[in-house]
PDB file of N, CA and C in Angstrom:
ATOM      1  N   MET A   1       0.842  -1.267  -0.014  1.00  0.00           N
ATOM      2  CA  MET A   1      -0.024  -0.017   0.061  1.00  0.00           C
ATOM      3  C   MET A   1       0.859   1.241  -0.049  1.00  0.00           C
ATOM      4  N   LYS A   2       0.609   2.209  -0.866  1.00  0.00           N
ATOM      5  CA  LYS A   2       1.271   3.396  -0.865  1.00  0.00           C
ATOM      6  C   LYS A   2       1.043   4.158   0.408  1.00  0.00           C
ATOM      7  N   LEU A   3       2.164   4.841   0.907  1.00  0.00           N
ATOM      8  CA  LEU A   3       2.114   5.605   2.108  1.00  0.00           C
ATOM      9  C   LEU A   3       0.892   6.535   2.207  1.00  0.00           C
ATOM     10  N   ALA A   4       0.709   7.344   1.226  1.00  0.00           N
ATOM     11  CA  ALA A   4      -0.381   8.295   1.232  1.00  0.00           C
ATOM     12  C   ALA A   4      -1.762   7.695   1.273  1.00  0.00           C
ATOM     13  N   GLN A   5      -1.958   6.421   0.708  1.00  0.00           N
ATOM     14  CA  GLN A   5      -3.214   5.728   0.763  1.00  0.00           C
ATOM     15  C   GLN A   5      -3.536   5.275   2.162  1.00  0.00           C
ATOM     16  N   ALA A   6      -2.564   5.083   3.006  1.00  0.00           N
ATOM     17  CA  ALA A   6      -2.797   4.694   4.449  1.00  0.00           C
ATOM     18  C   ALA A   6      -3.220   5.754   5.305  1.00  0.00           C
ATOM     19  N   LEU A   7      -3.186   6.992   4.798  1.00  0.00           N
ATOM     20  CA  LEU A   7      -3.601   8.154   5.623  1.00  0.00           C
ATOM     21  C   LEU A   7      -4.830   8.795   5.213  1.00  0.00           C
ATOM     22  N   SER A   8      -5.510   9.352   6.139  1.00  0.00           N
ATOM     23  CA  SER A   8      -6.771  10.147   5.668  1.00  0.00           C
ATOM     24  C   SER A   8      -6.270  11.462   5.049  1.00  0.00           C
ATOM     25  N   GLU A   9      -7.262  12.189   4.413  1.00  0.00           N
ATOM     26  CA  GLU A   9      -6.905  13.410   3.854  1.00  0.00           C
ATOM     27  C   GLU A   9      -6.431  14.434   4.895  1.00  0.00           C
ATOM     28  N   ALA A  10      -6.962  14.392   6.112  1.00  0.00           N
ATOM     29  CA  ALA A  10      -6.453  15.310   7.276  1.00  0.00           C
ATOM     30  C   ALA A  10      -5.050  14.938   7.564  1.00  0.00           C
ATOM     31  N   GLU A  11      -4.814  13.611   7.586  1.00  0.00           N
ATOM     32  CA  GLU A  11      -3.371  13.182   7.995  1.00  0.00           C
ATOM     33  C   GLU A  11      -2.397  13.568   6.888  1.00  0.00           C
ATOM     34  N   ARG A  12      -2.787  13.429   5.682  1.00  0.00           N
ATOM     35  CA  ARG A  12      -1.909  13.795   4.563  1.00  0.00           C
ATOM     36  C   ARG A  12      -1.678  15.295   4.542  1.00  0.00           C
ATOM     37  N   ASP A  13      -2.644  16.045   4.907  1.00  0.00           N
ATOM     38  CA  ASP A  13      -2.410  17.477   5.053  1.00  0.00           C
ATOM     39  C   ASP A  13      -1.533  17.906   6.309  1.00  0.00           C
ATOM     40  N   LEU A  14      -1.624  17.112   7.355  1.00  0.00           N
ATOM     41  CA  LEU A  14      -0.752  17.327   8.486  1.00  0.00           C
ATOM     42  C   LEU A  14       0.743  16.979   8.116  1.00  0.00           C
ATOM     43  N   VAL A  15       0.872  15.968   7.480  1.00  0.00           N
ATOM     44  CA  VAL A  15       2.173  15.578   6.875  1.00  0.00           C
ATOM     45  C   VAL A  15       2.768  16.655   6.105  1.00  0.00           C
ATOM     46  N   LYS A  16       1.937  17.231   5.132  1.00  0.00           N
ATOM     47  CA  LYS A  16       2.450  18.312   4.282  1.00  0.00           C
ATOM     48  C   LYS A  16       2.818  19.523   5.107  1.00  0.00           C
ATOM     49  N   ARG A  17       2.091  19.827   6.074  1.00  0.00           N
ATOM     50  CA  ARG A  17       2.444  21.035   6.979  1.00  0.00           C
ATOM     51  C   ARG A  17       3.693  20.806   7.688  1.00  0.00           C
ATOM     52  N   CYS A  18       3.913  19.558   8.209  1.00  0.00           N
ATOM     53  CA  CYS A  18       5.097  19.198   8.916  1.00  0.00           C
ATOM     54  C   CYS A  18       6.399  19.209   7.931  1.00  0.00           C
ATOM     55  N   LEU A  19       6.288  18.685   6.764  1.00  0.00           N
ATOM     56  CA  LEU A  19       7.355  18.823   5.752  1.00  0.00           C
ATOM     57  C   LEU A  19       7.623  20.245   5.448  1.00  0.00           C
ATOM     58  N   TYR A  20       6.634  21.100   5.321  1.00  0.00           N
ATOM     59  CA  TYR A  20       6.866  22.506   5.059  1.00  0.00           C
ATOM     60  C   TYR A  20       7.508  23.123   6.132  1.00  0.00           C
ATOM     61  N   ALA A  21       7.132  22.899   7.455  1.00  0.00           N
ATOM     62  CA  ALA A  21       7.678  23.497   8.552  1.00  0.00           C
ATOM     63  C   ALA A  21       9.177  23.013   8.724  1.00  0.00           C
ATOM     64  N   ALA A  22       9.471  21.773   8.443  1.00  0.00           N
ATOM     65  CA  ALA A  22      10.867  21.264   8.616  1.00  0.00           C
ATOM     66  C   ALA A  22      11.773  21.963   7.659  1.00  0.00           C
ATOM     67  N   VAL A  23      11.329  22.138   6.327  1.00  0.00           N
ATOM     68  CA  VAL A  23      12.152  22.708   5.278  1.00  0.00           C
ATOM     69  C   VAL A  23      12.255  24.271   5.420  1.00  0.00           C
ATOM     70  N   ASN A  24      11.092  24.925   5.756  1.00  0.00           N
ATOM     71  CA  ASN A  24      11.043  26.383   5.704  1.00  0.00           C
ATOM     72  C   ASN A  24      11.082  26.985   7.092  1.00  0.00           C
ATOM     73  N   GLY A  25      10.801  26.292   8.187  1.00  0.00           N
ATOM     74  CA  GLY A  25      10.642  26.867   9.539  1.00  0.00           C
ATOM     75  C   GLY A  25      11.999  26.944  10.192  1.00  0.00           C
ATOM     76  N   PRO A  26      11.872  27.486  11.468  1.00  0.00           N
ATOM     77  CA  PRO A  26      13.156  27.755  12.283  1.00  0.00           C
ATOM     78  C   PRO A  26      13.492  26.391  13.000  1.00  0.00           C
ATOM     79  N   PHE A  27      12.973  25.309  12.828  1.00  0.00           N
ATOM     80  CA  PHE A  27      13.120  24.173  13.705  1.00  0.00           C
ATOM     81  C   PHE A  27      14.525  23.506  13.658  1.00  0.00           C
ATOM     82  N   PHE A  28      15.161  23.580  12.435  1.00  0.00           N
ATOM     83  CA  PHE A  28      16.433  22.743  12.328  1.00  0.00           C
ATOM     84  C   PHE A  28      17.424  23.644  11.635  1.00  0.00           C
ATOM     85  N   PRO A  29      18.598  23.851  12.270  1.00  0.00           N
ATOM     86  CA  PRO A  29      19.681  24.605  11.668  1.00  0.00           C
ATOM     87  C   PRO A  29      20.269  23.948  10.384  1.00  0.00           C
ATOM     88  N   ASP A  30      20.662  24.726   9.468  1.00  0.00           N
ATOM     89  CA  ASP A  30      21.174  24.219   8.178  1.00  0.00           C
ATOM     90  C   ASP A  30      22.459  23.226   8.433  1.00  0.00           C
ATOM     91  N   TRP A  31      23.299  23.608   9.422  1.00  0.00           N
ATOM     92  CA  TRP A  31      24.498  22.832   9.623  1.00  0.00           C
ATOM     93  C   TRP A  31      24.176  21.437  10.172  1.00  0.00           C
ATOM     94  N   GLU A  32      22.913  21.192  10.728  1.00  0.00           N
ATOM     95  CA  GLU A  32      22.676  20.012  11.289  1.00  0.00           C
ATOM     96  C   GLU A  32      21.488  19.148  10.529  1.00  0.00           C
ATOM     97  N   PHE A  33      20.954  19.874   9.572  1.00  0.00           N
ATOM     98  CA  PHE A  33      19.744  19.285   8.923  1.00  0.00           C
ATOM     99  C   PHE A  33      20.048  17.958   8.269  1.00  0.00           C
ATOM    100  N   GLN A  34      21.135  17.778   7.567  1.00  0.00           N
ATOM    101  CA  GLN A  34      21.325  16.473   6.828  1.00  0.00           C
ATOM    102  C   GLN A  34      21.639  15.409   7.839  1.00  0.00           C
ATOM    103  N   ALA A  35      22.374  15.744   8.974  1.00  0.00           N
ATOM    104  CA  ALA A  35      22.587  14.799   9.927  1.00  0.00           C
ATOM    105  C   ALA A  35      21.297  14.227  10.583  1.00  0.00           C
ATOM    106  N   LEU A  36      20.422  15.174  10.777  1.00  0.00           N
ATOM    107  CA  LEU A  36      19.148  14.740  11.531  1.00  0.00           C
ATOM    108  C   LEU A  36      18.280  14.006  10.614  1.00  0.00           C
ATOM    109  N   PHE A  37      18.229  14.326   9.243  1.00  0.00           N
ATOM    110  CA  PHE A  37      17.145  13.881   8.376  1.00  0.00           C
ATOM    111  C   PHE A  37      17.736  12.722   7.514  1.00  0.00           C
ATOM    112  N   GLY A  38      19.088  12.666   7.317  1.00  0.00           N
ATOM    113  CA  GLY A  38      19.564  11.650   6.372  1.00  0.00           C
ATOM    114  C   GLY A  38      19.493  12.119   5.066  1.00  0.00           C
ATOM    115  N   TYR A  39      18.950  13.401   4.738  1.00  0.00           N
ATOM    116  CA  TYR A  39      18.721  13.934   3.410  1.00  0.00           C
ATOM    117  C   TYR A  39      19.017  15.463   3.502  1.00  0.00           C
ATOM    118  N   THR A  40      19.318  15.967   2.429  1.00  0.00           N
ATOM    119  CA  THR A  40      19.471  17.500   2.445  1.00  0.00           C
ATOM    120  C   THR A  40      18.176  18.208   2.464  1.00  0.00           C
ATOM    121  N   ARG A  41      18.285  19.401   2.818  1.00  0.00           N
ATOM    122  CA  ARG A  41      17.038  20.305   2.794  1.00  0.00           C
ATOM    123  C   ARG A  41      16.349  20.291   1.484  1.00  0.00           C
ATOM    124  N   ASP A  42      17.217  20.296   0.396  1.00  0.00           N
ATOM    125  CA  ASP A  42      16.566  20.287  -0.956  1.00  0.00           C
ATOM    126  C   ASP A  42      15.917  18.984  -1.201  1.00  0.00           C
ATOM    127  N   GLU A  43      16.502  17.840  -0.851  1.00  0.00           N
ATOM    128  CA  GLU A  43      15.865  16.550  -0.991  1.00  0.00           C
ATOM    129  C   GLU A  43      14.476  16.502  -0.297  1.00  0.00           C
ATOM    130  N   VAL A  44      14.486  17.010   0.952  1.00  0.00           N
ATOM    131  CA  VAL A  44      13.230  17.052   1.625  1.00  0.00           C
ATOM    132  C   VAL A  44      12.235  17.942   0.940  1.00  0.00           C
ATOM    133  N   ARG A  45      12.772  19.088   0.427  1.00  0.00           N
ATOM    134  CA  ARG A  45      11.851  20.010  -0.252  1.00  0.00           C
ATOM    135  C   ARG A  45      11.231  19.332  -1.517  1.00  0.00           C
ATOM    136  N   HIS A  46      11.948  18.489  -2.103  1.00  0.00           N
ATOM    137  CA  HIS A  46      11.435  17.673  -3.311  1.00  0.00           C
ATOM    138  C   HIS A  46      10.440  16.755  -2.824  1.00  0.00           C
ATOM    139  N   ILE A  47      10.512  16.119  -1.665  1.00  0.00           N
ATOM    140  CA  ILE A  47       9.473  15.216  -1.160  1.00  0.00           C
ATOM    141  C   ILE A  47       8.211  16.100  -0.904  1.00  0.00           C
ATOM    142  N   LEU A  48       8.459  17.267  -0.365  1.00  0.00           N
ATOM    143  CA  LEU A  48       7.311  18.193  -0.021  1.00  0.00           C
ATOM    144  C   LEU A  48       6.602  18.555  -1.327  1.00  0.00           C
ATOM    145  N   ALA A  49       7.353  18.906  -2.334  1.00  0.00           N
ATOM    146  CA  ALA A  49       6.709  19.320  -3.600  1.00  0.00           C
ATOM    147  C   ALA A  49       5.960  18.225  -4.309  1.00  0.00           C
ATOM    148  N   SER A  50       6.348  16.973  -4.031  1.00  0.00           N
ATOM    149  CA  SER A  50       5.646  15.917  -4.730  1.00  0.00           C
ATOM    150  C   SER A  50       4.626  15.144  -3.856  1.00  0.00           C
ATOM    151  N   TRP A  51       4.590  15.479  -2.608  1.00  0.00           N
ATOM    152  CA  TRP A  51       3.663  14.767  -1.701  1.00  0.00           C
ATOM    153  C   TRP A  51       2.206  15.214  -2.020  1.00  0.00           C
ATOM    154  N   PRO A  52       1.241  14.248  -2.102  1.00  0.00           N
ATOM    155  CA  PRO A  52       1.404  12.840  -1.725  1.00  0.00           C
ATOM    156  C   PRO A  52       1.626  11.796  -2.908  1.00  0.00           C
ATOM    157  N   ASN A  53       1.996  12.487  -4.052  1.00  0.00           N
ATOM    158  CA  ASN A  53       2.066  11.637  -5.270  1.00  0.00           C
ATOM    159  C   ASN A  53       3.506  11.222  -5.695  1.00  0.00           C
ATOM    160  N   GLY A  54       4.449  11.374  -4.854  1.00  0.00           N
ATOM    161  CA  GLY A  54       5.839  11.005  -5.242  1.00  0.00           C
ATOM    162  C   GLY A  54       6.071   9.690  -5.735  1.00  0.00           C
ATOM    163  N   ASN A  55       7.096   9.490  -6.493  1.00  0.00           N
ATOM    164  CA  ASN A  55       7.431   8.142  -7.066  1.00  0.00           C
ATOM    165  C   ASN A  55       8.355   7.304  -6.172  1.00  0.00           C
ATOM    166  N   ASP A  56       9.132   7.951  -5.408  1.00  0.00           N
ATOM    167  CA  ASP A  56      10.154   7.289  -4.591  1.00  0.00           C
ATOM    168  C   ASP A  56       9.593   6.959  -3.176  1.00  0.00           C
ATOM    169  N   GLU A  57       8.831   5.803  -3.131  1.00  0.00           N
ATOM    170  CA  GLU A  57       8.050   5.498  -1.877  1.00  0.00           C
ATOM    171  C   GLU A  57       8.967   5.291  -0.721  1.00  0.00           C
ATOM    172  N   GLU A  58      10.131   4.764  -0.901  1.00  0.00           N
ATOM    173  CA  GLU A  58      10.973   4.415   0.181  1.00  0.00           C
ATOM    174  C   GLU A  58      11.602   5.637   0.744  1.00  0.00           C
ATOM    175  N   MET A  59      12.097   6.597  -0.214  1.00  0.00           N
ATOM    176  CA  MET A  59      12.593   7.908   0.230  1.00  0.00           C
ATOM    177  C   MET A  59      11.566   8.685   0.933  1.00  0.00           C
ATOM    178  N   GLN A  60      10.354   8.634   0.441  1.00  0.00           N
ATOM    179  CA  GLN A  60       9.270   9.442   0.961  1.00  0.00           C
ATOM    180  C   GLN A  60       8.929   8.943   2.266  1.00  0.00           C
ATOM    181  N   ARG A  61       8.889   7.679   2.477  1.00  0.00           N
ATOM    182  CA  ARG A  61       8.633   7.089   3.838  1.00  0.00           C
ATOM    183  C   ARG A  61       9.649   7.539   4.840  1.00  0.00           C
ATOM    184  N   HIS A  62      11.031   7.466   4.478  1.00  0.00           N
ATOM    185  CA  HIS A  62      12.090   7.863   5.344  1.00  0.00           C
ATOM    186  C   HIS A  62      12.062   9.304   5.722  1.00  0.00           C
ATOM    187  N   VAL A  63      11.738  10.100   4.700  1.00  0.00           N
ATOM    188  CA  VAL A  63      11.829  11.553   4.904  1.00  0.00           C
ATOM    189  C   VAL A  63      10.648  11.940   5.920  1.00  0.00           C
ATOM    190  N   ILE A  64       9.432  11.392   5.595  1.00  0.00           N
ATOM    191  CA  ILE A  64       8.245  11.769   6.421  1.00  0.00           C
ATOM    192  C   ILE A  64       8.425  11.230   7.862  1.00  0.00           C
ATOM    193  N   ILE A  65       8.815  10.043   8.134  1.00  0.00           N
ATOM    194  CA  ILE A  65       9.032   9.515   9.428  1.00  0.00           C
ATOM    195  C   ILE A  65      10.092  10.335  10.188  1.00  0.00           C
ATOM    196  N   ASN A  66      11.242  10.596   9.449  1.00  0.00           N
ATOM    197  CA  ASN A  66      12.276  11.426  10.153  1.00  0.00           C
ATOM    198  C   ASN A  66      11.759  12.865  10.347  1.00  0.00           C
ATOM    199  N   THR A  67      11.001  13.431   9.500  1.00  0.00           N
ATOM    200  CA  THR A  67      10.452  14.728   9.741  1.00  0.00           C
ATOM    201  C   THR A  67       9.578  14.722  10.992  1.00  0.00           C
ATOM    202  N   LEU A  68       8.556  13.818  11.053  1.00  0.00           N
ATOM    203  CA  LEU A  68       7.695  13.840  12.306  1.00  0.00           C
ATOM    204  C   LEU A  68       8.430  13.596  13.558  1.00  0.00           C
ATOM    205  N   ASN A  69       9.445  12.521  13.526  1.00  0.00           N
ATOM    206  CA  ASN A  69      10.119  12.242  14.687  1.00  0.00           C
ATOM    207  C   ASN A  69      10.995  13.420  15.145  1.00  0.00           C
ATOM    208  N   ASN A  70      11.688  14.053  14.201  1.00  0.00           N
ATOM    209  CA  ASN A  70      12.548  15.182  14.558  1.00  0.00           C
ATOM    210  C   ASN A  70      11.762  16.390  15.079  1.00  0.00           C
ATOM    211  N   LEU A  71      10.549  16.747  14.490  1.00  0.00           N
ATOM    212  CA  LEU A  71       9.775  17.694  14.956  1.00  0.00           C
ATOM    213  C   LEU A  71       9.416  17.466  16.393  1.00  0.00           C
ATOM    214  N   LEU A  72       8.981  16.243  16.746  1.00  0.00           N
ATOM    215  CA  LEU A  72       8.600  15.921  18.078  1.00  0.00           C
ATOM    216  C   LEU A  72       9.697  15.790  19.071  1.00  0.00           C
ATOM    217  N   ARG A  73      10.887  15.426  18.711  1.00  0.00           N
ATOM    218  CA  ARG A  73      11.953  15.056  19.628  1.00  0.00           C
ATOM    219  C   ARG A  73      13.118  16.041  19.662  1.00  0.00           C
ATOM    220  N   TYR A  74      13.491  16.753  18.545  1.00  0.00           N
ATOM    221  CA  TYR A  74      14.526  17.578  18.466  1.00  0.00           C
ATOM    222  C   TYR A  74      14.280  18.830  19.391  1.00  0.00           C
ATOM    223  N   PRO A  75      15.181  19.214  20.282  1.00  0.00           N
ATOM    224  CA  PRO A  75      14.882  20.423  21.152  1.00  0.00           C
ATOM    225  C   PRO A  75      14.940  21.712  20.517  1.00  0.00           C
ATOM    226  N   HIS A  76      14.015  22.015  19.532  1.00  0.00           N
ATOM    227  CA  HIS A  76      14.054  23.183  18.826  1.00  0.00           C
ATOM    228  C   HIS A  76      13.447  24.365  19.628  1.00  0.00           C
ATOM    229  N   GLY A  77      12.582  24.173  20.524  1.00  0.00           N
ATOM    230  CA  GLY A  77      12.102  25.262  21.433  1.00  0.00           C
ATOM    231  C   GLY A  77      11.228  26.181  20.657  1.00  0.00           C
ATOM    232  N   GLU A  78      10.604  25.811  19.524  1.00  0.00           N
ATOM    233  CA  GLU A  78       9.885  26.759  18.714  1.00  0.00           C
ATOM    234  C   GLU A  78       8.374  26.480  18.839  1.00  0.00           C
ATOM    235  N   THR A  79       7.825  26.631  20.001  1.00  0.00           N
ATOM    236  CA  THR A  79       6.366  26.397  20.220  1.00  0.00           C
ATOM    237  C   THR A  79       5.540  27.384  19.488  1.00  0.00           C
ATOM    238  N   GLU A  80       5.934  28.601  19.336  1.00  0.00           N
ATOM    239  CA  GLU A  80       5.114  29.561  18.607  1.00  0.00           C
ATOM    240  C   GLU A  80       5.097  29.257  17.133  1.00  0.00           C
ATOM    241  N   ALA A  81       6.310  28.960  16.603  1.00  0.00           N
ATOM    242  CA  ALA A  81       6.361  28.504  15.223  1.00  0.00           C
ATOM    243  C   ALA A  81       5.613  27.296  14.948  1.00  0.00           C
ATOM    244  N   TRP A  82       5.560  26.378  15.849  1.00  0.00           N
ATOM    245  CA  TRP A  82       4.897  25.092  15.707  1.00  0.00           C
ATOM    246  C   TRP A  82       3.334  25.482  15.531  1.00  0.00           C
ATOM    247  N   SER A  83       2.862  26.321  16.513  1.00  0.00           N
ATOM    248  CA  SER A  83       1.377  26.685  16.437  1.00  0.00           C
ATOM    249  C   SER A  83       1.044  27.302  15.055  1.00  0.00           C
ATOM    250  N   ARG A  84       1.961  28.203  14.637  1.00  0.00           N
ATOM    251  CA  ARG A  84       1.626  28.916  13.298  1.00  0.00           C
ATOM    252  C   ARG A  84       1.720  27.991  12.050  1.00  0.00           C
ATOM    253  N   GLN A  85       2.824  27.178  12.111  1.00  0.00           N
ATOM    254  CA  GLN A  85       3.148  26.391  10.856  1.00  0.00           C
ATOM    255  C   GLN A  85       2.527  25.057  10.747  1.00  0.00           C
ATOM    256  N   ILE A  86       2.451  24.354  11.916  1.00  0.00           N
ATOM    257  CA  ILE A  86       1.958  22.952  11.859  1.00  0.00           C
ATOM    258  C   ILE A  86       0.428  22.979  12.214  1.00  0.00           C
ATOM    259  N   CYS A  87       0.006  23.858  13.065  1.00  0.00           N
ATOM    260  CA  CYS A  87      -1.445  23.931  13.407  1.00  0.00           C
ATOM    261  C   CYS A  87      -2.099  22.735  13.890  1.00  0.00           C
ATOM    262  N   SER A  88      -1.352  21.921  14.509  1.00  0.00           N
ATOM    263  CA  SER A  88      -1.869  20.600  15.096  1.00  0.00           C
ATOM    264  C   SER A  88      -1.017  20.355  16.384  1.00  0.00           C
ATOM    265  N   SER A  89      -1.673  19.580  17.216  1.00  0.00           N
ATOM    266  CA  SER A  89      -0.881  19.253  18.477  1.00  0.00           C
ATOM    267  C   SER A  89       0.164  18.245  18.313  1.00  0.00           C
ATOM    268  N   GLU A  90       1.075  18.185  19.250  1.00  0.00           N
ATOM    269  CA  GLU A  90       2.150  17.280  19.268  1.00  0.00           C
ATOM    270  C   GLU A  90       1.522  15.759  19.236  1.00  0.00           C
ATOM    271  N   ASP A  91       0.346  15.654  19.969  1.00  0.00           N
ATOM    272  CA  ASP A  91      -0.348  14.288  20.052  1.00  0.00           C
ATOM    273  C   ASP A  91      -0.778  13.922  18.674  1.00  0.00           C
ATOM    274  N   ASP A  92      -1.349  14.850  17.907  1.00  0.00           N
ATOM    275  CA  ASP A  92      -1.850  14.517  16.525  1.00  0.00           C
ATOM    276  C   ASP A  92      -0.659  14.138  15.640  1.00  0.00           C
ATOM    277  N   VAL A  93       0.501  14.741  15.717  1.00  0.00           N
ATOM    278  CA  VAL A  93       1.657  14.409  14.979  1.00  0.00           C
ATOM    279  C   VAL A  93       2.137  13.025  15.450  1.00  0.00           C
ATOM    280  N   ALA A  94       2.190  12.814  16.714  1.00  0.00           N
ATOM    281  CA  ALA A  94       2.779  11.513  17.269  1.00  0.00           C
ATOM    282  C   ALA A  94       1.726  10.386  16.742  1.00  0.00           C
ATOM    283  N   ALA A  95       0.486  10.659  16.700  1.00  0.00           N
ATOM    284  CA  ALA A  95      -0.518   9.673  16.232  1.00  0.00           C
ATOM    285  C   ALA A  95      -0.196   9.235  14.801  1.00  0.00           C
ATOM    286  N   VAL A  96       0.145  10.211  13.976  1.00  0.00           N
ATOM    287  CA  VAL A  96       0.375   9.845  12.574  1.00  0.00           C
ATOM    288  C   VAL A  96       1.796   9.212  12.411  1.00  0.00           C
ATOM    289  N   LEU A  97       2.770   9.568  13.293  1.00  0.00           N
ATOM    290  CA  LEU A  97       4.022   8.915  13.313  1.00  0.00           C
ATOM    291  C   LEU A  97       3.812   7.454  13.705  1.00  0.00           C
ATOM    292  N   ARG A  98       3.037   7.220  14.680  1.00  0.00           N
ATOM    293  CA  ARG A  98       2.815   5.723  15.144  1.00  0.00           C
ATOM    294  C   ARG A  98       2.193   5.056  13.956  1.00  0.00           C
ATOM    295  N   LYS A  99       1.282   5.591  13.360  1.00  0.00           N
ATOM    296  CA  LYS A  99       0.505   4.936  12.224  1.00  0.00           C
ATOM    297  C   LYS A  99       1.470   4.538  11.065  1.00  0.00           C
ATOM    298  N   LEU A 100       2.367   5.524  10.713  1.00  0.00           N
ATOM    299  CA  LEU A 100       3.321   5.336   9.582  1.00  0.00           C
ATOM    300  C   LEU A 100       4.373   4.196  10.021  1.00  0.00           C
ATOM    301  N   THR A 101       4.884   4.330  11.350  1.00  0.00           N
ATOM    302  CA  THR A 101       5.934   3.379  11.730  1.00  0.00           C
ATOM    303  C   THR A 101       5.296   1.959  11.830  1.00  0.00           C
ATOM    304  N   ALA A 102       4.080   1.829  12.137  1.00  0.00           N
ATOM    305  CA  ALA A 102       3.470   0.531  12.128  1.00  0.00           C
ATOM    306  C   ALA A 102       3.394  -0.094  10.779  1.00  0.00           C
ATOM    307  N   LEU A 103       3.295   0.698   9.707  1.00  0.00           N
ATOM    308  CA  LEU A 103       3.239   0.306   8.356  1.00  0.00           C
ATOM    309  C   LEU A 103       4.576  -0.333   7.961  1.00  0.00           C
ATOM    310  N   VAL A 104       5.680   0.191   8.467  1.00  0.00           N
ATOM    311  CA  VAL A 104       6.953  -0.267   8.061  1.00  0.00           C
ATOM    312  C   VAL A 104       7.337  -1.605   8.683  1.00  0.00           C
ATOM    313  N   LYS A 105       6.849  -1.959   9.788  1.00  0.00           N
ATOM    314  CA  LYS A 105       7.155  -3.166  10.421  1.00  0.00           C
ATOM    315  C   LYS A 105       6.577  -4.348   9.707  1.00  0.00           C
TER     316      LYS A 105
END
């Protein structure tokens, strides 16, 4: 099953907002971005641009799981930016992350 098909429309929209926030927001410094994500900011930006219809399912899965995980666990301290850019609670993001990681197993 394609990753996007496993998610509701609201969950796909949440993933898109999280990808946008990770790429364009203040959450991750440039010098650490690739180490945290395993991909460059431009590669993650490419996944954002193609979401939810991208062709590279494996890369898409890695980028999205890393994005959600890093937004939840990296000590960015950007609660105001989170409210503005992601517009969902940490619990909502964590629920989508759990759903996606369950698909990988």
